């Protein structure tokens, strides 16, 4: 069974909290915070992936760095 952590309803692991902070700070530096509007950070902890494909692409790159 998959464990889905819902944004604003769940406490995320430290790694995911760190990623959220990074992405928000990064997009703010580019004046592109609107890219996150209406995009929740819902996370599947079993598969270590975000349900939103847009956020997942950033997460994959961040995880490789």
C-alpha atoms as a PDB file:
ATOM      1  CA  UNK A   1       0.000   0.000   0.000  1.00  0.00           C
ATOM      2  CA  UNK A   2       1.302   3.419  -0.936  1.00  0.00           C
ATOM      3  CA  UNK A   3       1.705   6.084   1.691  1.00  0.00           C
ATOM      4  CA  UNK A   4       0.709   9.435   0.244  1.00  0.00           C
ATOM      5  CA  UNK A   5       1.685  12.498   2.241  1.00  0.00           C
ATOM      6  CA  UNK A   6      -0.704  15.317   1.434  1.00  0.00           C
ATOM      7  CA  UNK A   7       0.599  18.863   1.372  1.00  0.00           C
ATOM      8  CA  UNK A   8      -0.641  20.971   4.298  1.00  0.00           C
ATOM      9  CA  UNK A   9      -2.113  17.833   5.937  1.00  0.00           C
ATOM     10  CA  UNK A  10       0.985  15.731   6.608  1.00  0.00           C
ATOM     11  CA  UNK A  11       4.367  16.218   8.169  1.00  0.00           C
ATOM     12  CA  UNK A  12       6.957  15.606   5.481  1.00  0.00           C
ATOM     13  CA  UNK A  13      10.314  13.928   6.106  1.00  0.00           C
ATOM     14  CA  UNK A  14      13.221  16.340   6.526  1.00  0.00           C
ATOM     15  CA  UNK A  15      14.519  15.613   3.001  1.00  0.00           C
ATOM     16  CA  UNK A  16      11.200  16.644   1.462  1.00  0.00           C
ATOM     17  CA  UNK A  17      10.920  19.750   3.642  1.00  0.00           C
ATOM     18  CA  UNK A  18      14.401  20.727   2.498  1.00  0.00           C
ATOM     19  CA  UNK A  19      13.436  20.252  -1.136  1.00  0.00           C
ATOM     20  CA  UNK A  20      10.276  22.360  -0.736  1.00  0.00           C
ATOM     21  CA  UNK A  21      12.284  25.187   0.801  1.00  0.00           C
ATOM     22  CA  UNK A  22      14.896  24.948  -1.933  1.00  0.00           C
ATOM     23  CA  UNK A  23      12.359  24.988  -4.764  1.00  0.00           C
ATOM     24  CA  UNK A  24      10.439  27.928  -3.333  1.00  0.00           C
ATOM     25  CA  UNK A  25      13.656  29.873  -2.781  1.00  0.00           C
ATOM     26  CA  UNK A  26      14.942  28.983  -6.254  1.00  0.00           C
ATOM     27  CA  UNK A  27      11.745  30.043  -8.019  1.00  0.00           C
ATOM     28  CA  UNK A  28      11.603  33.220  -5.945  1.00  0.00           C
ATOM     29  CA  UNK A  29      15.122  34.102  -7.101  1.00  0.00           C
ATOM     30  CA  UNK A  30      13.877  33.766 -10.686  1.00  0.00           C
ATOM     31  CA  UNK A  31      10.719  35.769  -9.953  1.00  0.00           C
ATOM     32  CA  UNK A  32       8.749  32.692 -10.975  1.00  0.00           C
ATOM     33  CA  UNK A  33       6.802  31.781  -7.856  1.00  0.00           C
ATOM     34  CA  UNK A  34       3.609  31.714  -9.914  1.00  0.00           C
ATOM     35  CA  UNK A  35       4.824  28.373 -11.273  1.00  0.00           C
ATOM     36  CA  UNK A  36       3.945  26.842  -7.898  1.00  0.00           C
ATOM     37  CA  UNK A  37       0.504  28.366  -7.619  1.00  0.00           C
ATOM     38  CA  UNK A  38      -2.174  25.707  -7.205  1.00  0.00           C
ATOM     39  CA  UNK A  39       0.454  22.956  -7.295  1.00  0.00           C
ATOM     40  CA  UNK A  40       0.375  20.976  -4.058  1.00  0.00           C
ATOM     41  CA  UNK A  41       3.457  19.082  -2.913  1.00  0.00           C
ATOM     42  CA  UNK A  42       1.688  15.742  -2.502  1.00  0.00           C
ATOM     43  CA  UNK A  43       4.312  13.062  -2.043  1.00  0.00           C
ATOM     44  CA  UNK A  44       4.355   9.271  -2.378  1.00  0.00           C
ATOM     45  CA  UNK A  45       6.854   8.191   0.284  1.00  0.00           C
ATOM     46  CA  UNK A  46       6.988   4.557  -0.862  1.00  0.00           C
ATOM     47  CA  UNK A  47       8.156   5.492  -4.370  1.00  0.00           C
ATOM     48  CA  UNK A  48      10.006   8.658  -3.307  1.00  0.00           C
ATOM     49  CA  UNK A  49       8.174  10.805  -5.822  1.00  0.00           C
ATOM     50  CA  UNK A  50       5.779  13.699  -6.049  1.00  0.00           C
ATOM     51  CA  UNK A  51       2.382  13.181  -7.621  1.00  0.00           C
ATOM     52  CA  UNK A  52       2.661  16.406  -9.576  1.00  0.00           C
ATOM     53  CA  UNK A  53       4.908  15.728 -12.614  1.00  0.00           C
ATOM     54  CA  UNK A  54       6.128  19.329 -12.749  1.00  0.00           C
ATOM     55  CA  UNK A  55       7.381  19.233  -9.162  1.00  0.00           C
ATOM     56  CA  UNK A  56       8.714  15.707  -9.676  1.00  0.00           C
ATOM     57  CA  UNK A  57      11.021  16.884 -12.474  1.00  0.00           C
ATOM     58  CA  UNK A  58      12.580  19.485 -10.174  1.00  0.00           C
ATOM     59  CA  UNK A  59      12.844  16.859  -7.443  1.00  0.00           C
ATOM     60  CA  UNK A  60      14.701  14.427  -9.713  1.00  0.00           C
ATOM     61  CA  UNK A  61      17.235  17.102 -10.629  1.00  0.00           C
ATOM     62  CA  UNK A  62      17.598  18.227  -7.016  1.00  0.00           C
ATOM     63  CA  UNK A  63      18.106  14.630  -5.860  1.00  0.00           C
ATOM     64  CA  UNK A  64      20.941  14.124  -8.350  1.00  0.00           C
ATOM     65  CA  UNK A  65      22.804  17.238  -7.220  1.00  0.00           C
END
